[in-house]
Amino acid sequence: MSRSTRSSLKVLRPFVLIAIAGLAISGCSSSQASSTAPGRLDSSFGSGGKAVTDLGSPADVANAIAVQSDGKLVLAGSTRDANQGDNFAVVRYTPDGQLDSAFGDGGKVTTDFGGKADVAAAVAVAPDGKIVTVGTSHGTATGDNIAIARYTTDGKLDSGFGTGGQISQDLGTKADHGNGVAIQPDGRIIVVGSTQDPSQGDNFAVLRYTTDGKLDPAFGVGGKVSTDFGGKSDIAKAVAVQSDGKIVVVGTSHGTATGDNIAIARYTADGKLDSGFGVAGQISEDLGTKADHGNGVAVQSDGRIIVVGSTQDPAQGANFAVLRYTTDGKLDSAFGNGGKVTTDFGGKDDTAMSAVLQEDGKIVVAGTSHGTGTGDNIAVARYNPDGQPDSGFGSGGQVSTDLGTQADHGNGVVLQNGKIVVGGSSKDPKSGDNFVAVRYTA
């Protein structure tokens, strides 16, 4: 799970969506929910529903979250080192929101790739419990490289993967970025992001690695695929693997003739564009504005595809955008208004970053409401299977959570034993940005 992005779904994991509501708890406020309503902060998690971790720098930001089979939570992002610049940072919490002393150094691990800024954008847990993080190593000798690290269950770099547990992938351009990750049932790793073409600009980049960290020759051309949507910059942010092995990738095609469009591609298991989806395997979705962005993806059990991001309203600014597509890539008329739903949280810029599907078919979407009266707030919405807001969640299906700072950001979401957990960052006036995980009742 991939941030936008950062993601996603930044994690971007195959399944991610969220909604949240709440009440005042331990100095944290959420929009109008009673103490018994689904979506309230869960006081049995961390401190008053939240777990906050300072990694010792003013810039500790979690961009993605994953949940292990034992309920432990893994957050990935970056922390700043005075000498090395930004490094990958991974934090693991116990199921009740305490730092896990059995992982790394007191629950925390940092990794340097040698770039000026090494930032993890996505995280996933492999079937064997190992943890894979994906992002970008900026400013290496070959420019920006896709960066991948795999850790053992106790937080050590996995010596059986790549070079000492790490990969810095140069695709032959100065701007190769990793934004999303998904792991197939057989353990092979799908990484998505972007690579720069000298004539087309940035294109979707999709790579598959074997379990030991080698590019998979059975996928695309030598393990790599790039896809142009015709925009000046086509950036993949999130990926999901369908039950039939097909791969769905979501992002944004910036600077098309109609502005920024939501971009979706589906590939066969061997890395070819799927001719049975959209137009020759691709969709460039214009919602009628100049700024339509795709950040997260989840696939329903029936194969229909949920895409989340944002769309621009002339009066309200950016709003959450949630779309559902049929298995062949058409907007699903049985969902929302012609396959589309938009949600305003009252901020100047409300951006959905990731989504997860509940067992009852409800859709949870999480992100950030920027520029509210209390600053930036974590925003969560829950929708019924038909795309209508779930009136039994929060206030009319929404929760906007202020953790008492001017900058609370939601970047990823998972379900943990039926409860909703959002991972992101919260800005402390003294220590700066910190990792944060917030848990809500479902």
Foldseek 3Di string as FASTA:
>chain_A
DQFVVCAVVPAVEQFFFAFAAAADWPNKGKFDDDPPFFRYQDCQAPHRFKAWDFPQAQDAKFQEWDADPQQKIKTWWWGQDPPQGIWIKIFIAHNRHATDPQADHSRMDTDGPRASHHIWGHWDAAPVGKIKTWWWRAHDPLAIFIKMFIADNSHATDPQADHSRMDGHDPNHNDDIWNYWYADNQGKIWTWWWDQDPVQGIWIKIFIADNSHATDPQADHSRIDTDGPRANHWTWHHWHAAPQGKIKTWWWRAHDPLAIFIKIFIAHNRHATDPQADHSGIDTHDPNHNDDIWAEWYADNQGKIKTWWWDQDPVQGIWIKIFIADNSHATDPQADHSRIDTDGPRANHHIWHYWRADPQGKIKTWWWRAHDPQAIWIKIFIAHNRHQGDPSHHHSRIMTMDSNANDDIFNTWDARVQKIKTWIWGQDPPRHIITMIGITGD
